Amino acid sequence: MDENKRDLINEIQKRFSELSKSQKLIAQYIIENYDKAAFMTASKLAGKVGVSESTVVRFANALGLDGYPQLQRGLEEVIRTKLTTVQRVEMAGEYSDGGLVLKKVLGADIDNIRVTLENIDYETFQQVINKICEAEKIYIVGLRSSMAIADYFGFYLNLILDNVKIVHHGISNIFEQVFRVSKTDIVIGIGFPRYSMQTVDALSYVKEQGVTIVGITDSLLSPIANLADYTLTAKSNMASFVDSLVAPLSLINALIVAIGMCEKEKITEHFNTLEGIWKKYNVYQGRNQG
């Protein structure tokens, strides 16, 4: 089974008729309680359903998985993409103490950056830098919670380059903002759970036009990755109803710096000009301003 394209719940439903009686009990429980099953050990799931632990392992194998840990990872991906905000709030009961919240959330953010750094594909990262620096025009598409990252990325790229367009909700429809894309352009799609359908639709459109797509997302299983020619992943594991954007933002910072190094001579000139403008019009507070 292709792990990059699998929706585990759909796969379980598709194979349901092929399963043994005991395996069907496991399948039914997971389908109805995937948000709970994702955090159960094989032993605990077996006890909950009333089967042996070895039956749970064989169930995972019957789905074409290497074992129970891979089944768990698949379920974790399901809850990241399918849980409603209400369900996420219900899962956050452990975050009742303010000090505990601070430790857990900051600790999770540290883990997200560490895992992102460990898993980043450096060759793909360099290829993305090259594609961005060579593109005639750069479109950045990131909506809903990912809009903050898209705006941040676009703000700094616009200081470095003069061919950047941020695709926004606004007077113009999203498709009206991207319909002029050409094969010499690049589209950067940013999407983290819960994935915006409008981002996916916009990327599907530009994909049909033969335009190169760079995906910045949380997993190779995401719909953004499925459409992208190059994918950079950053972990955004949830802390209750809020998804962490710390690692994605750190990845964006790395891209900005690397792109800046490609255009080092240009940006020195640009920033010299901008510093004069900022000083003249008191853009920033400080004793050296105007």
Protein backbone atom coordinates (compact mmCIF):
# COMPACT_ATOMS: atom_id res chain seq x y z
CA MET A 1 0.00 0.00 0.00
CA ASP A 2 1.34 3.45 -0.91
CA GLU A 3 1.75 5.22 2.43
CA ASN A 4 1.84 8.62 0.76
CA LYS A 5 -1.67 8.22 -0.63
CA ARG A 6 -3.45 6.13 1.97
CA ASP A 7 -6.38 7.33 4.06
CA LEU A 8 -6.32 4.63 6.75
CA ILE A 9 -10.04 4.78 7.58
CA ASN A 10 -10.97 4.42 3.92
CA GLU A 11 -8.53 1.52 3.61
CA ILE A 12 -10.09 -0.25 6.60
CA GLN A 13 -13.57 0.22 5.16
CA LYS A 14 -12.43 -1.04 1.75
CA ARG A 15 -10.90 -4.20 3.21
CA PHE A 16 -13.59 -4.83 5.83
CA SER A 17 -15.20 -7.78 4.03
CA GLU A 18 -11.83 -9.56 3.76
CA LEU A 19 -11.16 -9.46 7.50
CA SER A 20 -11.72 -12.26 10.00
CA LYS A 21 -14.51 -11.97 12.57
CA SER A 22 -12.11 -10.82 15.29
CA GLN A 23 -10.40 -8.37 12.95
CA LYS A 24 -13.78 -6.90 12.00
CA LEU A 25 -14.38 -6.10 15.67
CA ILE A 26 -11.11 -4.14 15.72
CA ALA A 27 -11.96 -2.42 12.44
CA GLN A 28 -15.40 -1.38 13.68
CA TYR A 29 -13.98 0.04 16.90
CA ILE A 30 -11.31 2.03 15.06
CA ILE A 31 -13.78 3.43 12.52
CA GLU A 32 -16.08 4.64 15.33
CA ASN A 33 -13.35 5.69 17.81
CA TYR A 34 -10.24 6.57 15.80
CA ASP A 35 -9.55 9.59 18.03
CA LYS A 36 -9.19 7.25 21.03
CA ALA A 37 -7.59 4.27 19.26
CA ALA A 38 -4.68 6.42 18.03
CA PHE A 39 -3.39 6.71 21.62
CA MET A 40 -3.85 3.06 22.65
CA THR A 41 -1.14 0.43 22.82
CA ALA A 42 -1.81 -2.82 20.97
CA SER A 43 -2.51 -4.46 24.33
CA LYS A 44 -4.98 -1.79 25.42
CA LEU A 45 -6.81 -1.85 22.09
CA ALA A 46 -7.01 -5.64 22.28
CA GLY A 47 -8.49 -5.44 25.78
CA LYS A 48 -11.00 -2.79 24.74
CA VAL A 49 -12.25 -4.83 21.79
CA GLY A 50 -12.02 -8.22 23.51
CA VAL A 51 -9.44 -9.91 21.30
CA SER A 52 -5.83 -11.01 21.73
CA GLU A 53 -2.88 -8.65 21.21
CA SER A 54 -1.60 -10.89 18.43
CA THR A 55 -4.95 -10.42 16.63
CA VAL A 56 -4.39 -6.66 16.70
CA VAL A 57 -0.94 -7.14 15.14
CA ARG A 58 -2.37 -9.45 12.47
CA PHE A 59 -5.06 -6.84 11.78
CA ALA A 60 -2.35 -4.27 11.03
CA ASN A 61 -0.63 -6.78 8.73
CA ALA A 62 -3.93 -7.46 6.96
CA LEU A 63 -4.04 -3.77 6.01
CA GLY A 64 -0.63 -4.09 4.38
CA LEU A 65 1.20 -2.41 7.28
CA ASP A 66 4.50 -3.52 8.80
CA GLY A 67 3.01 -3.72 12.28
CA TYR A 68 1.03 -1.97 14.98
CA PRO A 69 3.33 1.10 15.26
CA GLN A 70 2.64 1.91 11.61
CA LEU A 71 -1.09 1.52 12.25
CA GLN A 72 -0.80 4.00 15.12
CA ARG A 73 1.05 6.51 12.93
CA GLY A 74 -1.70 6.21 10.35
CA LEU A 75 -4.36 6.85 12.99
CA GLU A 76 -2.46 9.86 14.30
CA GLU A 77 -2.49 11.26 10.76
CA VAL A 78 -6.23 10.65 10.54
CA ILE A 79 -6.98 12.58 13.72
CA ARG A 80 -4.78 15.45 12.59
CA THR A 81 -6.79 15.84 9.41
CA LYS A 82 -10.29 14.75 10.41
CA LEU A 83 -10.91 15.90 13.98
CA THR A 84 -13.27 18.82 14.36
CA THR A 85 -12.34 21.75 16.58
CA VAL A 86 -14.88 20.55 19.15
CA GLN A 87 -13.23 17.11 19.28
CA ARG A 88 -9.83 18.73 19.70
CA VAL A 89 -11.08 20.81 22.63
CA GLU A 90 -12.46 17.65 24.27
CA MET A 91 -9.05 15.98 23.90
CA ALA A 92 -7.39 18.89 25.72
CA GLY A 93 -8.77 18.11 29.17
CA GLU A 94 -5.25 17.52 30.48
CA TYR A 95 -4.35 21.17 29.81
CA SER A 96 -6.25 22.46 32.84
CA ASP A 97 -3.36 24.01 34.77
CA GLY A 98 -1.72 27.18 33.45
CA GLY A 99 1.83 26.16 34.34
CA LEU A 100 1.31 22.72 32.82
CA VAL A 101 0.01 24.30 29.62
CA LEU A 102 3.14 26.43 29.30
CA LYS A 103 5.48 23.45 29.79
CA LYS A 104 3.57 21.12 27.49
CA VAL A 105 3.08 23.60 24.65
CA LEU A 106 6.65 24.95 24.66
CA GLY A 107 7.99 21.42 25.04
CA ALA A 108 5.91 20.28 22.07
CA ASP A 109 7.21 23.21 20.00
CA ILE A 110 10.80 22.27 20.82
CA ASP A 111 10.09 18.68 19.78
CA ASN A 112 8.48 19.86 16.54
CA ILE A 113 11.57 21.85 15.56
CA ARG A 114 13.88 18.96 16.51
CA VAL A 115 11.92 16.41 14.48
CA THR A 116 11.69 18.83 11.55
CA LEU A 117 15.46 19.32 11.54
CA GLU A 118 16.09 15.57 11.79
CA ASN A 119 13.76 14.73 8.91
CA ILE A 120 14.33 17.60 6.48
CA ASP A 121 15.53 16.58 3.02
CA TYR A 122 18.51 18.89 2.42
CA GLU A 123 18.68 18.09 -1.28
CA THR A 124 15.01 19.03 -1.74
CA PHE A 125 15.58 22.19 0.31
CA GLN A 126 18.37 23.29 -2.05
CA GLN A 127 16.29 22.40 -5.11
CA VAL A 128 13.47 24.57 -3.78
CA ILE A 129 15.87 27.49 -3.27
CA ASN A 130 17.09 27.14 -6.85
CA LYS A 131 13.56 26.98 -8.27
CA ILE A 132 12.46 30.07 -6.35
CA CYS A 133 15.53 32.07 -7.41
CA GLU A 134 15.03 31.06 -11.07
CA ALA A 135 11.25 31.64 -11.26
CA GLU A 136 9.82 34.47 -13.36
CA LYS A 137 7.05 34.98 -10.82
CA ILE A 138 6.45 33.51 -7.37
CA TYR A 139 2.94 32.88 -6.07
CA ILE A 140 2.40 32.08 -2.38
CA VAL A 141 -0.88 30.35 -1.49
CA GLY A 142 -1.73 29.79 2.17
CA LEU A 143 -5.20 30.26 3.60
CA ARG A 144 -6.96 30.18 6.97
CA SER A 145 -4.43 29.43 9.77
CA SER A 146 -1.65 29.09 7.17
CA MET A 147 -2.31 32.64 5.95
CA ALA A 148 -0.15 34.03 8.77
CA ILE A 149 2.82 32.02 7.48
CA ALA A 150 2.11 32.96 3.86
CA ASP A 151 1.94 36.67 4.77
CA TYR A 152 5.19 36.47 6.75
CA PHE A 153 6.96 34.63 3.93
CA GLY A 154 5.61 37.04 1.33
CA PHE A 155 6.53 40.11 3.39
CA TYR A 156 10.22 39.19 3.51
CA LEU A 157 10.41 37.83 -0.03
CA ASN A 158 8.96 41.12 -1.28
CA LEU A 159 11.85 42.94 0.41
CA ILE A 160 14.33 40.70 -1.43
CA LEU A 161 12.59 40.15 -4.78
CA ASP A 162 10.18 42.08 -6.99
CA ASN A 163 8.22 39.18 -8.46
CA VAL A 164 6.25 37.88 -5.46
CA LYS A 165 2.46 37.66 -5.24
CA ILE A 166 0.59 36.55 -2.12
CA VAL A 167 -2.74 34.92 -2.94
CA HIS A 168 -5.37 36.11 -0.47
CA HIS A 169 -9.05 36.04 0.31
CA GLY A 170 -10.34 39.40 -0.84
CA ILE A 171 -12.21 41.21 -3.59
CA SER A 172 -10.72 38.90 -6.20
CA ASN A 173 -11.55 35.22 -6.22
CA ILE A 174 -8.53 32.99 -5.53
CA PHE A 175 -8.66 31.58 -9.05
CA GLU A 176 -8.68 35.11 -10.49
CA GLN A 177 -5.41 35.72 -8.65
CA VAL A 178 -3.65 32.69 -10.12
CA PHE A 179 -5.16 32.26 -13.58
CA ARG A 180 -2.20 34.02 -15.26
CA VAL A 181 0.35 31.48 -14.00
CA SER A 182 2.77 30.14 -16.58
CA LYS A 183 5.30 27.33 -16.70
CA THR A 184 8.10 29.79 -15.95
CA ASP A 185 6.49 30.61 -12.58
CA ILE A 186 6.49 28.75 -9.29
CA VAL A 187 3.61 28.35 -6.85
CA ILE A 188 4.34 27.78 -3.16
CA GLY A 189 1.42 26.10 -1.42
CA ILE A 190 1.35 26.25 2.37
CA GLY A 191 -1.07 24.04 4.27
CA PHE A 192 -1.28 22.46 7.70
CA PRO A 193 -4.15 20.60 9.41
CA ARG A 194 -6.97 21.21 9.05
CA TYR A 195 -6.14 21.71 5.37
CA SER A 196 -7.98 24.48 3.53
CA MET A 197 -9.93 23.11 0.57
CA GLN A 198 -9.46 26.41 -1.28
CA THR A 199 -5.68 26.02 -1.05
CA VAL A 200 -5.97 22.48 -2.41
CA ASP A 201 -8.30 23.65 -5.21
CA ALA A 202 -5.96 26.48 -6.21
CA LEU A 203 -2.99 24.11 -6.33
CA SER A 204 -5.02 21.59 -8.34
CA TYR A 205 -5.73 24.31 -10.90
CA VAL A 206 -2.10 25.39 -11.29
CA LYS A 207 -1.04 21.74 -11.44
CA GLU A 208 -3.27 21.36 -14.52
CA GLN A 209 -1.42 24.32 -16.08
CA GLY A 210 1.89 22.49 -15.75
CA VAL A 211 3.29 24.95 -13.20
CA THR A 212 5.93 23.84 -10.67
CA ILE A 213 4.50 23.56 -7.16
CA VAL A 214 6.42 23.65 -3.90
CA GLY A 215 4.49 22.30 -0.94
CA ILE A 216 5.21 23.39 2.62
CA THR A 217 3.18 21.13 4.86
CA ASP A 218 3.30 18.76 7.81
CA SER A 219 3.46 15.36 6.12
CA LEU A 220 4.00 13.56 2.84
CA LEU A 221 0.48 12.21 3.40
CA SER A 222 -1.08 15.68 3.18
CA PRO A 223 -3.14 16.80 0.16
CA ILE A 224 -0.60 19.60 -0.38
CA ALA A 225 2.20 17.04 -0.77
CA ASN A 226 0.11 14.98 -3.18
CA LEU A 227 0.00 17.96 -5.57
CA ALA A 228 3.54 19.29 -5.08
CA ASP A 229 6.59 18.65 -7.24
CA TYR A 230 8.82 19.45 -4.26
CA THR A 231 7.70 19.05 -0.65
CA LEU A 232 9.27 20.43 2.52
CA THR A 233 7.74 19.14 5.75
CA ALA A 234 7.63 20.73 9.18
CA LYS A 235 5.95 19.17 12.20
CA SER A 236 2.89 20.94 13.59
CA ASN A 237 1.63 18.47 16.19
CA MET A 238 -1.46 19.75 17.90
CA ALA A 239 -1.66 21.17 21.37
CA SER A 240 -5.42 20.81 21.87
CA PHE A 241 -7.37 22.88 19.33
CA VAL A 242 -4.32 24.92 18.30
CA ASP A 243 -1.80 23.59 15.78
CA SER A 244 1.79 24.61 16.36
CA LEU A 245 3.22 26.78 13.58
CA VAL A 246 6.61 27.22 15.27
CA ALA A 247 8.51 24.64 13.19
CA PRO A 248 6.83 25.73 9.91
CA LEU A 249 7.81 29.33 10.66
CA SER A 250 11.38 28.26 11.42
CA LEU A 251 11.51 26.46 8.07
CA ILE A 252 10.22 29.62 6.36
CA ASN A 253 12.95 31.64 8.09
CA ALA A 254 15.57 29.26 6.70
CA LEU A 255 14.12 29.64 3.20
CA ILE A 256 14.17 33.44 3.46
CA VAL A 257 17.81 33.52 4.57
CA ALA A 258 18.88 31.04 1.87
CA ILE A 259 17.03 32.98 -0.86
CA GLY A 260 18.59 36.18 0.45
CA MET A 261 22.03 34.67 0.02
CA CYS A 262 21.20 33.96 -3.65
CA GLU A 263 20.44 37.66 -4.10
CA LYS A 264 23.03 39.06 -1.69
CA GLU A 265 24.21 41.94 -3.88
CA LYS A 266 20.67 42.99 -4.79
CA ILE A 267 19.34 42.92 -1.25
CA THR A 268 22.25 45.01 0.06
CA GLU A 269 21.24 47.73 -2.42
CA HIS A 270 17.52 47.27 -1.65
CA PHE A 271 18.00 47.52 2.10
CA ASN A 272 20.22 50.58 1.81
CA THR A 273 17.39 52.27 -0.10
CA LEU A 274 14.76 51.03 2.36
CA GLU A 275 16.73 52.21 5.40
CA GLY A 276 16.70 55.71 3.92
CA ILE A 277 12.93 55.53 3.34
CA TRP A 278 12.24 54.11 6.81
CA LYS A 279 14.31 56.85 8.42
CA LYS A 280 12.78 59.66 6.37
CA TYR A 281 9.19 58.62 7.08
CA ASN A 282 9.70 57.45 10.68
CA VAL A 283 8.61 53.89 9.90
CA TYR A 284 10.39 52.51 12.96
CA GLN A 285 10.75 54.01 16.42
CA GLY A 286 14.24 54.92 17.54
CA ARG A 287 16.64 57.75 18.20
CA ASN A 288 18.19 57.36 14.77
CA GLN A 289 14.86 57.79 13.00
CA GLY A 290 14.47 61.00 10.99
